[in-house]
C-alpha cells in the first residue's frame, strides 16, 4: 500500500514538473508575443508620425505653389510609372528565359 502511495506521489510530482515546464514555455511565448506587439505598436507610432510629417510638408509645399490635387496627380503618375516598370521587367525576364531556352536547344542541335 505504501508503494502504491509512493507511486501516486511520484506521478503527481511528474505531473507538476510537466505542468511547470509547460507553464514556463507558454510564459516565454507570451513574453515574446508581448514584445513583438510592443515593437509593432512603436513602429506604428513612428510611421504615423512620419505620415503626419509628410502631410505637413505637403501642405507647406501646396502653400508654396503646388496644389493637393496636383500632388495627388504626381503621386499617381509615379505609381503608374512604377507599375509599368514592373511590367517591362516581367516581360524582359520572360523574353530572357525564352532566349536562354532557345540557346540551349541550339547548343543541343
Foldseek 3Di string as FASTA:
>chain_A
DVVVVVVVVVVVVVVVVVVVVVVVVVVVVVVVVVVVVVVVVVVVVVVVVVVVVVVVVVVVVVVVPNPPVNVVVVVVVVVVVVVVVVVVVVVVVVVVVVVVVVVVVVVVD
